[in-house]
Amino acid sequence: MLQDIATIELKYQQFIERVAATKLVWALMSKQGWANSHAQHDEEVGVVPFWADRALAKVCARDDWRSFVPTEIPLSDFLENWCVGMAENGTLAGINWNATMIGKEIDTLNVALDILNRLKAINSAITFKNYGSLDEFIADISEEPLD
């Protein structure tokens, strides 16, 4: 069990590193919309899974999601629209799930802060529609209560 937690945390950190480097996030989409599920700890809490690359997402396009295809989301859109919007709706992000749907489930503002802080650490430029800088974005979402 401890090894599973360590693996999930490692996969989360890899997600943060990779999306900060590529400025892309991947999700699964079909004609009906985006793939989603329920939190392992609470069936009433929604989770939208995201991956750091196409291949990881494609592995999960099976069973109930077999008609879904990996679809890229620009990082700025993911941060401004997905993370902020999902936080407002109380929806969690599922990060780098494996084929058995095991992976980290986390508040989207925490994901956004981790990515923004990584972008800042590597001095990576990114343009936002609603924020003038990384620091402004970080300050704005840091004011929100985090779980």
N, C-alpha and C. Protein backbone atom coordinates (compact mmCIF):
# COMPACT_ATOMS: atom_id res chain seq x y z
N MET A 1 0.83 -1.20 0.00
CA MET A 1 0.00 0.00 0.00
C MET A 1 0.87 1.27 0.00
N LEU A 2 1.92 1.27 0.84
CA LEU A 2 2.82 2.42 0.91
C LEU A 2 3.51 2.63 -0.43
N GLN A 3 3.87 1.52 -1.10
CA GLN A 3 4.49 1.62 -2.41
C GLN A 3 3.52 2.22 -3.42
N ASP A 4 2.24 1.85 -3.32
CA ASP A 4 1.23 2.40 -4.23
C ASP A 4 1.11 3.92 -4.05
N ILE A 5 1.12 4.38 -2.80
CA ILE A 5 1.03 5.81 -2.53
C ILE A 5 2.26 6.52 -3.08
N ALA A 6 3.43 5.93 -2.90
CA ALA A 6 4.66 6.52 -3.43
C ALA A 6 4.63 6.57 -4.95
N THR A 7 4.11 5.53 -5.58
CA THR A 7 4.01 5.50 -7.04
C THR A 7 3.05 6.56 -7.54
N ILE A 8 1.92 6.70 -6.88
CA ILE A 8 0.93 7.71 -7.26
C ILE A 8 1.52 9.11 -7.13
N GLU A 9 2.26 9.36 -6.05
CA GLU A 9 2.90 10.67 -5.85
C GLU A 9 3.96 10.93 -6.91
N LEU A 10 4.74 9.91 -7.24
CA LEU A 10 5.76 10.04 -8.29
C LEU A 10 5.10 10.38 -9.63
N LYS A 11 4.02 9.68 -9.95
CA LYS A 11 3.31 9.95 -11.20
C LYS A 11 2.73 11.36 -11.22
N TYR A 12 2.31 11.85 -10.06
CA TYR A 12 1.81 13.22 -9.97
C TYR A 12 2.94 14.21 -10.25
N GLN A 13 4.08 14.00 -9.62
CA GLN A 13 5.22 14.90 -9.84
C GLN A 13 5.67 14.86 -11.30
N GLN A 14 5.64 13.68 -11.91
CA GLN A 14 5.98 13.56 -13.33
C GLN A 14 4.99 14.35 -14.19
N PHE A 15 3.72 14.31 -13.82
CA PHE A 15 2.70 15.08 -14.52
C PHE A 15 3.04 16.57 -14.47
N ILE A 16 3.33 17.08 -13.27
CA ILE A 16 3.65 18.50 -13.09
C ILE A 16 4.85 18.88 -13.95
N GLU A 17 5.90 18.09 -13.89
CA GLU A 17 7.13 18.37 -14.66
C GLU A 17 6.84 18.37 -16.16
N ARG A 18 6.14 17.35 -16.61
CA ARG A 18 5.92 17.17 -18.06
C ARG A 18 5.01 18.25 -18.63
N VAL A 19 3.90 18.56 -17.95
CA VAL A 19 2.99 19.56 -18.51
C VAL A 19 3.62 20.96 -18.46
N ALA A 20 4.45 21.21 -17.47
CA ALA A 20 5.16 22.50 -17.42
C ALA A 20 6.14 22.60 -18.59
N ALA A 21 6.75 21.48 -18.96
CA ALA A 21 7.72 21.47 -20.06
C ALA A 21 7.05 21.54 -21.43
N THR A 22 5.96 20.77 -21.61
CA THR A 22 5.32 20.69 -22.93
C THR A 22 4.22 21.73 -23.13
N LYS A 23 3.71 22.26 -22.02
CA LYS A 23 2.57 23.19 -22.01
C LYS A 23 1.31 22.58 -22.62
N LEU A 24 1.18 21.25 -22.45
CA LEU A 24 0.00 20.52 -22.90
C LEU A 24 -0.47 19.57 -21.81
N VAL A 25 -1.79 19.42 -21.73
CA VAL A 25 -2.43 18.43 -20.85
C VAL A 25 -3.31 17.60 -21.76
N TRP A 26 -3.48 16.34 -21.43
CA TRP A 26 -4.30 15.44 -22.24
C TRP A 26 -5.50 14.95 -21.45
N ALA A 27 -6.64 14.83 -22.13
CA ALA A 27 -7.85 14.27 -21.54
C ALA A 27 -8.50 13.40 -22.62
N LEU A 28 -9.52 12.66 -22.22
CA LEU A 28 -10.24 11.81 -23.17
C LEU A 28 -11.58 12.45 -23.52
N MET A 29 -11.86 12.51 -24.82
CA MET A 29 -13.10 13.13 -25.28
C MET A 29 -13.80 12.22 -26.29
N SER A 30 -15.12 12.26 -26.25
CA SER A 30 -15.94 11.54 -27.23
C SER A 30 -17.01 12.51 -27.73
N LYS A 31 -17.90 12.01 -28.58
CA LYS A 31 -19.00 12.85 -29.06
C LYS A 31 -19.90 13.28 -27.91
N GLN A 32 -19.94 12.49 -26.84
CA GLN A 32 -20.78 12.82 -25.68
C GLN A 32 -20.11 13.79 -24.72
N GLY A 33 -18.83 14.05 -24.87
CA GLY A 33 -18.14 14.97 -23.97
C GLY A 33 -16.85 14.38 -23.44
N TRP A 34 -16.41 14.92 -22.33
CA TRP A 34 -15.14 14.53 -21.72
C TRP A 34 -15.34 13.35 -20.77
N ALA A 35 -14.34 12.48 -20.71
CA ALA A 35 -14.36 11.35 -19.78
C ALA A 35 -14.37 11.88 -18.35
N ASN A 36 -15.17 11.24 -17.52
CA ASN A 36 -15.21 11.62 -16.10
C ASN A 36 -15.62 10.41 -15.29
N SER A 37 -15.43 10.52 -13.99
CA SER A 37 -15.72 9.42 -13.10
C SER A 37 -16.15 9.99 -11.75
N HIS A 38 -16.09 9.14 -10.74
CA HIS A 38 -16.40 9.55 -9.37
C HIS A 38 -15.20 9.29 -8.49
N ALA A 39 -15.07 10.09 -7.45
CA ALA A 39 -13.95 9.93 -6.52
C ALA A 39 -14.04 8.58 -5.82
N GLN A 40 -12.88 7.99 -5.57
CA GLN A 40 -12.84 6.70 -4.89
C GLN A 40 -13.41 6.80 -3.48
N HIS A 41 -13.21 7.93 -2.83
CA HIS A 41 -13.66 8.10 -1.44
C HIS A 41 -15.09 8.60 -1.31
N ASP A 42 -15.68 9.07 -2.44
CA ASP A 42 -17.02 9.65 -2.36
C ASP A 42 -17.68 9.63 -3.74
N GLU A 43 -18.68 8.78 -3.90
CA GLU A 43 -19.36 8.63 -5.19
C GLU A 43 -20.04 9.91 -5.66
N GLU A 44 -20.27 10.86 -4.76
CA GLU A 44 -20.95 12.10 -5.14
C GLU A 44 -19.99 13.15 -5.69
N VAL A 45 -18.70 12.93 -5.54
CA VAL A 45 -17.69 13.88 -6.01
C VAL A 45 -17.21 13.46 -7.39
N GLY A 46 -17.30 14.36 -8.34
CA GLY A 46 -16.86 14.07 -9.70
C GLY A 46 -15.36 14.21 -9.85
N VAL A 47 -14.81 13.45 -10.79
CA VAL A 47 -13.38 13.51 -11.10
C VAL A 47 -13.23 13.50 -12.62
N VAL A 48 -12.42 14.41 -13.13
CA VAL A 48 -12.07 14.41 -14.54
C VAL A 48 -10.60 14.02 -14.63
N PRO A 49 -10.30 12.94 -15.35
CA PRO A 49 -8.91 12.50 -15.45
C PRO A 49 -8.12 13.28 -16.50
N PHE A 50 -6.86 13.54 -16.19
CA PHE A 50 -5.93 14.22 -17.08
C PHE A 50 -4.61 13.47 -17.08
N TRP A 51 -3.92 13.55 -18.21
CA TRP A 51 -2.64 12.87 -18.34
C TRP A 51 -1.60 13.83 -18.88
N ALA A 52 -0.33 13.48 -18.65
CA ALA A 52 0.79 14.30 -19.09
C ALA A 52 1.14 14.07 -20.55
N ASP A 53 0.72 12.95 -21.10
CA ASP A 53 0.97 12.74 -22.53
C ASP A 53 -0.09 11.83 -23.14
N ARG A 54 -0.12 11.87 -24.45
CA ARG A 54 -1.15 11.18 -25.22
C ARG A 54 -1.15 9.67 -24.95
N ALA A 55 0.01 9.07 -24.90
CA ALA A 55 0.11 7.61 -24.73
C ALA A 55 -0.53 7.16 -23.42
N LEU A 56 -0.33 7.91 -22.36
CA LEU A 56 -0.92 7.55 -21.07
C LEU A 56 -2.45 7.64 -21.13
N ALA A 57 -2.94 8.67 -21.80
CA ALA A 57 -4.40 8.82 -21.95
C ALA A 57 -4.97 7.69 -22.80
N LYS A 58 -4.29 7.35 -23.86
CA LYS A 58 -4.77 6.33 -24.79
C LYS A 58 -4.94 4.97 -24.11
N VAL A 59 -4.07 4.65 -23.17
CA VAL A 59 -4.16 3.39 -22.43
C VAL A 59 -5.49 3.27 -21.69
N CYS A 60 -6.04 4.41 -21.28
CA CYS A 60 -7.29 4.40 -20.52
C CYS A 60 -8.53 4.48 -21.39
N ALA A 61 -8.36 4.61 -22.70
CA ALA A 61 -9.51 4.67 -23.62
C ALA A 61 -9.97 3.25 -23.92
N ARG A 62 -10.58 2.62 -22.92
CA ARG A 62 -11.05 1.24 -23.03
C ARG A 62 -12.30 1.06 -22.19
N ASP A 63 -12.91 -0.10 -22.28
CA ASP A 63 -14.14 -0.40 -21.55
C ASP A 63 -15.17 0.71 -21.78
N ASP A 64 -15.64 1.35 -20.72
CA ASP A 64 -16.66 2.40 -20.86
C ASP A 64 -16.16 3.60 -21.66
N TRP A 65 -14.85 3.77 -21.75
CA TRP A 65 -14.26 4.90 -22.46
C TRP A 65 -13.66 4.50 -23.81
N ARG A 66 -14.06 3.36 -24.36
CA ARG A 66 -13.44 2.89 -25.62
C ARG A 66 -13.73 3.81 -26.80
N SER A 67 -14.79 4.59 -26.75
CA SER A 67 -15.09 5.51 -27.85
C SER A 67 -14.42 6.88 -27.66
N PHE A 68 -13.66 7.03 -26.61
CA PHE A 68 -12.99 8.30 -26.31
C PHE A 68 -11.61 8.34 -26.96
N VAL A 69 -11.20 9.53 -27.35
CA VAL A 69 -9.87 9.69 -27.94
C VAL A 69 -9.07 10.71 -27.14
N PRO A 70 -7.76 10.49 -27.03
CA PRO A 70 -6.91 11.47 -26.36
C PRO A 70 -6.98 12.82 -27.08
N THR A 71 -7.20 13.86 -26.30
CA THR A 71 -7.35 15.20 -26.84
C THR A 71 -6.49 16.16 -26.03
N GLU A 72 -5.70 16.96 -26.73
CA GLU A 72 -4.81 17.88 -26.01
C GLU A 72 -5.53 19.15 -25.60
N ILE A 73 -5.11 19.65 -24.46
CA ILE A 73 -5.62 20.91 -23.93
C ILE A 73 -4.41 21.81 -23.69
N PRO A 74 -4.37 22.99 -24.30
CA PRO A 74 -3.25 23.89 -24.03
C PRO A 74 -3.18 24.20 -22.53
N LEU A 75 -1.97 24.27 -22.01
CA LEU A 75 -1.80 24.43 -20.56
C LEU A 75 -2.47 25.69 -20.03
N SER A 76 -2.39 26.80 -20.75
CA SER A 76 -3.03 28.03 -20.25
C SER A 76 -4.54 27.84 -20.12
N ASP A 77 -5.16 27.15 -21.08
CA ASP A 77 -6.60 26.87 -21.02
C ASP A 77 -6.90 25.93 -19.85
N PHE A 78 -6.07 24.92 -19.68
CA PHE A 78 -6.26 23.98 -18.57
C PHE A 78 -6.22 24.72 -17.24
N LEU A 79 -5.24 25.59 -17.06
CA LEU A 79 -5.09 26.30 -15.79
C LEU A 79 -6.21 27.30 -15.55
N GLU A 80 -6.49 28.13 -16.55
CA GLU A 80 -7.48 29.21 -16.36
C GLU A 80 -8.92 28.72 -16.38
N ASN A 81 -9.22 27.81 -17.27
CA ASN A 81 -10.62 27.40 -17.43
C ASN A 81 -10.95 26.10 -16.70
N TRP A 82 -10.17 25.08 -16.94
CA TRP A 82 -10.46 23.79 -16.32
C TRP A 82 -10.24 23.83 -14.81
N CYS A 83 -9.04 24.18 -14.38
CA CYS A 83 -8.74 24.12 -12.94
C CYS A 83 -9.63 25.06 -12.14
N VAL A 84 -9.75 26.29 -12.59
CA VAL A 84 -10.57 27.27 -11.86
C VAL A 84 -12.04 26.85 -11.90
N GLY A 85 -12.54 26.47 -13.07
CA GLY A 85 -13.94 26.07 -13.19
C GLY A 85 -14.29 24.82 -12.40
N MET A 86 -13.39 23.84 -12.46
CA MET A 86 -13.64 22.60 -11.71
C MET A 86 -13.61 22.86 -10.21
N ALA A 87 -12.75 23.76 -9.76
CA ALA A 87 -12.70 24.10 -8.33
C ALA A 87 -14.03 24.72 -7.90
N GLU A 88 -14.58 25.58 -8.74
CA GLU A 88 -15.86 26.21 -8.43
C GLU A 88 -16.99 25.18 -8.35
N ASN A 89 -16.87 24.10 -9.14
CA ASN A 89 -17.89 23.04 -9.15
C ASN A 89 -17.62 21.93 -8.14
N GLY A 90 -16.48 21.98 -7.47
CA GLY A 90 -16.13 20.92 -6.52
C GLY A 90 -15.71 19.62 -7.18
N THR A 91 -15.27 19.71 -8.43
CA THR A 91 -14.81 18.53 -9.17
C THR A 91 -13.31 18.38 -8.99
N LEU A 92 -12.87 17.15 -8.78
CA LEU A 92 -11.44 16.87 -8.61
C LEU A 92 -10.79 16.53 -9.94
N ALA A 93 -9.46 16.62 -9.96
CA ALA A 93 -8.68 16.17 -11.12
C ALA A 93 -8.09 14.81 -10.78
N GLY A 94 -8.19 13.88 -11.72
CA GLY A 94 -7.52 12.59 -11.60
C GLY A 94 -6.25 12.68 -12.43
N ILE A 95 -5.12 12.49 -11.81
CA ILE A 95 -3.85 12.75 -12.49
C ILE A 95 -3.12 11.47 -12.87
N ASN A 96 -2.79 11.37 -14.17
CA ASN A 96 -2.02 10.25 -14.72
C ASN A 96 -2.53 8.90 -14.25
N TRP A 97 -3.85 8.71 -14.33
CA TRP A 97 -4.42 7.41 -13.98
C TRP A 97 -3.84 6.33 -14.86
N ASN A 98 -3.76 5.13 -14.32
CA ASN A 98 -3.32 3.99 -15.12
C ASN A 98 -4.55 3.30 -15.72
N ALA A 99 -4.33 2.19 -16.40
CA ALA A 99 -5.42 1.49 -17.10
C ALA A 99 -6.49 0.97 -16.15
N THR A 100 -6.17 0.80 -14.86
CA THR A 100 -7.16 0.35 -13.89
C THR A 100 -7.76 1.53 -13.12
N MET A 101 -7.55 2.73 -13.65
CA MET A 101 -8.10 3.97 -13.10
C MET A 101 -7.59 4.30 -11.70
N ILE A 102 -6.36 3.91 -11.45
CA ILE A 102 -5.71 4.25 -10.18
C ILE A 102 -4.76 5.41 -10.41
N GLY A 103 -4.87 6.42 -9.57
CA GLY A 103 -4.02 7.60 -9.66
C GLY A 103 -4.45 8.62 -8.63
N LYS A 104 -3.75 9.72 -8.62
CA LYS A 104 -4.04 10.76 -7.64
C LYS A 104 -5.34 11.48 -7.99
N GLU A 105 -6.15 11.73 -6.97
CA GLU A 105 -7.35 12.57 -7.08
C GLU A 105 -7.09 13.78 -6.21
N ILE A 106 -7.15 14.96 -6.82
CA ILE A 106 -6.70 16.16 -6.11
C ILE A 106 -7.52 17.38 -6.51
N ASP A 107 -7.64 18.31 -5.58
CA ASP A 107 -8.31 19.58 -5.85
C ASP A 107 -7.58 20.30 -6.98
N THR A 108 -8.33 20.83 -7.91
CA THR A 108 -7.73 21.42 -9.11
C THR A 108 -6.93 22.69 -8.83
N LEU A 109 -7.26 23.43 -7.77
CA LEU A 109 -6.45 24.61 -7.46
C LEU A 109 -5.07 24.20 -6.95
N ASN A 110 -5.00 23.06 -6.27
CA ASN A 110 -3.69 22.54 -5.87
C ASN A 110 -2.85 22.17 -7.09
N VAL A 111 -3.50 21.54 -8.07
CA VAL A 111 -2.80 21.19 -9.31
C VAL A 111 -2.31 22.46 -9.99
N ALA A 112 -3.19 23.44 -10.11
CA ALA A 112 -2.82 24.69 -10.76
C ALA A 112 -1.64 25.35 -10.06
N LEU A 113 -1.69 25.41 -8.73
CA LEU A 113 -0.58 26.03 -7.99
C LEU A 113 0.72 25.27 -8.19
N ASP A 114 0.67 23.95 -8.19
CA ASP A 114 1.89 23.16 -8.40
C ASP A 114 2.46 23.42 -9.79
N ILE A 115 1.61 23.49 -10.80
CA ILE A 115 2.09 23.75 -12.16
C ILE A 115 2.62 25.18 -12.27
N LEU A 116 1.89 26.15 -11.74
CA LEU A 116 2.33 27.54 -11.81
C LEU A 116 3.66 27.74 -11.09
N ASN A 117 3.81 27.11 -9.94
CA ASN A 117 5.08 27.22 -9.22
C ASN A 117 6.22 26.55 -9.98
N ARG A 118 5.91 25.45 -10.66
CA ARG A 118 6.94 24.79 -11.47
C ARG A 118 7.32 25.67 -12.66
N LEU A 119 6.33 26.26 -13.32
CA LEU A 119 6.61 27.18 -14.43
C LEU A 119 7.50 28.33 -13.97
N LYS A 120 7.20 28.84 -12.79
CA LYS A 120 8.00 29.94 -12.23
C LYS A 120 9.42 29.47 -11.93
N ALA A 121 9.55 28.28 -11.38
CA ALA A 121 10.88 27.75 -11.02
C ALA A 121 11.78 27.54 -12.24
N ILE A 122 11.16 27.14 -13.36
CA ILE A 122 11.96 26.91 -14.57
C ILE A 122 11.97 28.14 -15.47
N ASN A 123 11.41 29.23 -14.97
CA ASN A 123 11.40 30.50 -15.69
C ASN A 123 10.78 30.35 -17.08
N SER A 124 9.64 29.68 -17.12
CA SER A 124 8.97 29.40 -18.39
C SER A 124 7.89 30.44 -18.68
N ALA A 125 7.91 30.96 -19.86
CA ALA A 125 6.93 31.97 -20.26
C ALA A 125 5.62 31.28 -20.67
N ILE A 126 4.53 31.87 -20.25
CA ILE A 126 3.20 31.38 -20.64
C ILE A 126 2.27 32.59 -20.64
N THR A 127 1.37 32.63 -21.60
CA THR A 127 0.45 33.75 -21.73
C THR A 127 -0.94 33.32 -21.28
N PHE A 128 -1.55 34.14 -20.43
CA PHE A 128 -2.89 33.88 -19.95
C PHE A 128 -3.84 34.94 -20.49
N LYS A 129 -5.12 34.60 -20.58
CA LYS A 129 -6.13 35.56 -21.00
C LYS A 129 -6.59 36.43 -19.84
N ASN A 130 -6.67 35.84 -18.64
CA ASN A 130 -7.24 36.53 -17.49
C ASN A 130 -6.22 37.02 -16.47
N TYR A 131 -4.95 36.72 -16.69
CA TYR A 131 -3.91 37.10 -15.74
C TYR A 131 -2.73 37.68 -16.49
N GLY A 132 -2.12 38.70 -15.89
CA GLY A 132 -0.97 39.36 -16.51
C GLY A 132 0.35 38.64 -16.31
N SER A 133 0.39 37.76 -15.29
CA SER A 133 1.65 37.08 -15.00
C SER A 133 1.40 35.82 -14.16
N LEU A 134 2.42 35.01 -14.04
CA LEU A 134 2.35 33.84 -13.16
C LEU A 134 2.07 34.27 -11.73
N ASP A 135 2.78 35.31 -11.29
CA ASP A 135 2.61 35.78 -9.90
C ASP A 135 1.18 36.24 -9.62
N GLU A 136 0.58 36.93 -10.59
CA GLU A 136 -0.81 37.39 -10.42
C GLU A 136 -1.76 36.20 -10.30
N PHE A 137 -1.56 35.20 -11.15
CA PHE A 137 -2.39 34.00 -11.13
C PHE A 137 -2.22 33.26 -9.80
N ILE A 138 -0.96 33.09 -9.39
CA ILE A 138 -0.67 32.41 -8.12
C ILE A 138 -1.33 33.15 -6.96
N ALA A 139 -1.19 34.46 -6.93
CA ALA A 139 -1.78 35.26 -5.84
C ALA A 139 -3.30 35.12 -5.82
N ASP A 140 -3.91 35.12 -6.99
CA ASP A 140 -5.37 35.05 -7.08
C ASP A 140 -5.90 33.71 -6.55
N ILE A 141 -5.31 32.61 -6.98
CA ILE A 141 -5.86 31.32 -6.54
C ILE A 141 -5.35 30.92 -5.17
N SER A 142 -4.27 31.55 -4.71
CA SER A 142 -3.78 31.26 -3.35
C SER A 142 -4.72 31.84 -2.31
N GLU A 143 -5.52 32.82 -2.71
CA GLU A 143 -6.49 33.43 -1.78
C GLU A 143 -7.67 32.49 -1.55
N GLU A 144 -7.87 31.54 -2.45
CA GLU A 144 -8.96 30.57 -2.33
C GLU A 144 -8.59 29.54 -1.26
N PRO A 145 -9.55 29.07 -0.48
CA PRO A 145 -9.24 28.01 0.50
C PRO A 145 -8.93 26.71 -0.23
N LEU A 146 -7.86 26.04 0.17
CA LEU A 146 -7.45 24.77 -0.42
C LEU A 146 -7.73 23.63 0.55
N ASP A 147 -8.06 22.48 0.01
CA ASP A 147 -8.28 21.30 0.85
C ASP A 147 -6.97 20.62 1.16
